[in-house]
C-alpha atoms as a PDB file:
ATOM      1  CA  MET A   1     110.608  81.470  57.512  1.00  0.00           C
ATOM      2  CA  SER A   2     112.725  82.328  60.558  1.00  0.00           C
ATOM      3  CA  TRP A   3     112.038  81.664  64.221  1.00  0.00           C
ATOM      4  CA  SER A   4     111.008  85.238  64.909  1.00  0.00           C
ATOM      5  CA  GLU A   5     108.494  85.204  62.060  1.00  0.00           C
ATOM      6  CA  ASP A   6     107.099  81.877  63.282  1.00  0.00           C
ATOM      7  CA  LEU A   7     106.711  83.254  66.783  1.00  0.00           C
ATOM      8  CA  ILE A   8     105.037  86.431  65.586  1.00  0.00           C
ATOM      9  CA  GLU A   9     102.616  84.378  63.543  1.00  0.00           C
ATOM     10  CA  LEU A  10     101.927  82.129  66.526  1.00  0.00           C
ATOM     11  CA  PHE A  11     101.321  85.016  68.929  1.00  0.00           C
ATOM     12  CA  ASN A  12      99.037  86.755  66.437  1.00  0.00           C
ATOM     13  CA  ASP A  13      96.733  83.735  66.446  1.00  0.00           C
ATOM     14  CA  PRO A  14      93.225  84.770  67.674  1.00  0.00           C
ATOM     15  CA  ILE A  15      93.161  81.780  70.017  1.00  0.00           C
ATOM     16  CA  LEU A  16      95.870  83.465  72.092  1.00  0.00           C
ATOM     17  CA  SER A  17      94.280  86.922  72.142  1.00  0.00           C
ATOM     18  CA  ASP A  18      93.193  86.596  75.795  1.00  0.00           C
ATOM     19  CA  VAL A  19      96.487  85.182  77.061  1.00  0.00           C
ATOM     20  CA  ARG A  20      98.261  87.550  79.423  1.00  0.00           C
ATOM     21  CA  PRO A  21     101.280  87.078  81.683  1.00  0.00           C
ATOM     22  CA  PHE A  22     100.621  86.367  85.331  1.00  0.00           C
ATOM     23  CA  ALA A  23     100.528  89.411  87.560  1.00  0.00           C
ATOM     24  CA  GLN A  24     103.569  89.778  89.741  1.00  0.00           C
ATOM     25  CA  ARG A  25     103.034  88.834  93.339  1.00  0.00           C
ATOM     26  CA  ILE A  26     103.197  91.641  95.819  1.00  0.00           C
ATOM     27  CA  THR A  27     105.864  90.979  98.422  1.00  0.00           C
ATOM     28  CA  SER A  28     105.973  92.140 102.011  1.00  0.00           C
ATOM     29  CA  ASP A  29     108.705  94.581 100.996  1.00  0.00           C
ATOM     30  CA  ASP A  30     106.395  96.014  98.327  1.00  0.00           C
ATOM     31  CA  ARG A  31     103.629  96.455 100.909  1.00  0.00           C
ATOM     32  CA  LEU A  32     106.057  98.113 103.336  1.00  0.00           C
ATOM     33  CA  VAL A  33     107.215 100.575 100.674  1.00  0.00           C
ATOM     34  CA  GLU A  34     103.622 101.368  99.638  1.00  0.00           C
ATOM     35  CA  SER A  35     102.699 101.880 103.270  1.00  0.00           C
ATOM     36  CA  PHE A  36     105.599 104.252 103.864  1.00  0.00           C
ATOM     37  CA  ILE A  37     104.917 106.174 100.657  1.00  0.00           C
ATOM     38  CA  GLU A  38     101.339 106.672 101.866  1.00  0.00           C
ATOM     39  CA  ILE A  39     102.717 108.249 105.061  1.00  0.00           C
ATOM     40  CA  ARG A  40     105.209 110.363 103.121  1.00  0.00           C
ATOM     41  CA  ASP A  41     102.523 111.604 100.725  1.00  0.00           C
ATOM     42  CA  TRP A  42     100.274 112.508 103.651  1.00  0.00           C
ATOM     43  CA  VAL A  43     103.130 114.502 105.235  1.00  0.00           C
ATOM     44  CA  LEU A  44     103.778 116.329 101.974  1.00  0.00           C
ATOM     45  CA  ALA A  45     100.086 117.179 101.574  1.00  0.00           C
ATOM     46  CA  ASN A  46      99.568 118.304 105.195  1.00  0.00           C
ATOM     47  CA  GLU A  47     103.023 119.763 105.892  1.00  0.00           C
ATOM     48  CA  CYS A  48     103.248 117.938 109.238  1.00  0.00           C
ATOM     49  CA  GLU A  49     103.536 114.413 110.572  1.00  0.00           C
ATOM     50  CA  PRO A  50     100.350 112.510 111.342  1.00  0.00           C
ATOM     51  CA  LYS A  51      99.408 112.820 115.012  1.00  0.00           C
ATOM     52  CA  GLU A  52      97.824 110.401 117.465  1.00  0.00           C
ATOM     53  CA  GLU A  53      95.154 112.968 118.291  1.00  0.00           C
ATOM     54  CA  GLY A  54      94.604 113.673 114.584  1.00  0.00           C
ATOM     55  CA  ALA A  55      91.374 114.861 113.063  1.00  0.00           C
ATOM     56  CA  ASP A  56      90.390 111.521 111.545  1.00  0.00           C
ATOM     57  CA  PHE A  57      91.001 107.819 111.828  1.00  0.00           C
ATOM     58  CA  SER A  58      93.306 107.653 108.804  1.00  0.00           C
ATOM     59  CA  GLU A  59      95.685 110.204 110.341  1.00  0.00           C
ATOM     60  CA  ARG A  60      95.830 108.221 113.595  1.00  0.00           C
ATOM     61  CA  LYS A  61      96.427 105.016 111.620  1.00  0.00           C
ATOM     62  CA  LEU A  62      99.303 106.628 109.710  1.00  0.00           C
ATOM     63  CA  HIS A  63     100.762 107.905 112.972  1.00  0.00           C
ATOM     64  CA  ARG A  64     100.781 104.408 114.509  1.00  0.00           C
ATOM     65  CA  ARG A  65     102.258 102.943 111.319  1.00  0.00           C
ATOM     66  CA  LEU A  66     105.047 105.542 111.335  1.00  0.00           C
ATOM     67  CA  LEU A  67     105.841 104.788 114.989  1.00  0.00           C
ATOM     68  CA  SER A  68     105.992 101.088 114.176  1.00  0.00           C
ATOM     69  CA  ILE A  69     108.403 101.674 111.298  1.00  0.00           C
ATOM     70  CA  ARG A  70     110.587 103.953 113.393  1.00  0.00           C
ATOM     71  CA  SER A  71     110.808 101.369 116.175  1.00  0.00           C
ATOM     72  CA  ASP A  72     112.153  98.720 113.780  1.00  0.00           C
ATOM     73  CA  GLU A  73     115.731  99.485 112.744  1.00  0.00           C
ATOM     74  CA  GLU A  74     115.688  96.957 109.903  1.00  0.00           C
ATOM     75  CA  ARG A  75     112.562  98.402 108.300  1.00  0.00           C
ATOM     76  CA  SER A  76     113.796 101.963 108.827  1.00  0.00           C
ATOM     77  CA  ALA A  77     117.094 101.154 107.131  1.00  0.00           C
ATOM     78  CA  PHE A  78     115.269  99.461 104.234  1.00  0.00           C
ATOM     79  CA  LEU A  79     113.066 102.551 103.696  1.00  0.00           C
ATOM     80  CA  LYS A  80     115.824 105.198 103.859  1.00  0.00           C
ATOM     81  CA  ASP A  81     115.874 105.551 100.053  1.00  0.00           C
ATOM     82  CA  TYR A  82     112.161 106.454 100.071  1.00  0.00           C
ATOM     83  CA  ASP A  83     112.446 108.915 102.952  1.00  0.00           C
ATOM     84  CA  THR A  84     112.512 112.219 101.093  1.00  0.00           C
ATOM     85  CA  THR A  85     110.794 113.990 104.000  1.00  0.00           C
ATOM     86  CA  HIS A  86     113.328 112.817 106.613  1.00  0.00           C
ATOM     87  CA  LEU A  87     110.741 110.986 108.722  1.00  0.00           C
ATOM     88  CA  LEU A  88     113.223 108.272 109.667  1.00  0.00           C
ATOM     89  CA  ASN A  89     116.123 110.440 110.774  1.00  0.00           C
ATOM     90  CA  ASP A  90     117.428 109.729 114.243  1.00  0.00           C
ATOM     91  CA  LEU A  91     115.071 111.509 116.591  1.00  0.00           C
END
């Protein structure tokens, strides 16, 4: 029997049926990207940027988040690859 066969036999053991790898931790960079993608998706769906005087709280929240990202050069530079709607271009 070879190593690979031994391992397959071991992993097929019913005792290990509930064993799963640990979930990857979400980093601050991951959260930043998810946050920006949420803004980008909103812009694509509404065909305009979120506004401070928007119709609902979520639009106002996205507006403030976008302003915060724009005011931070490091975060803006990090997100350039995700900016398909040109939200981070020099204004």
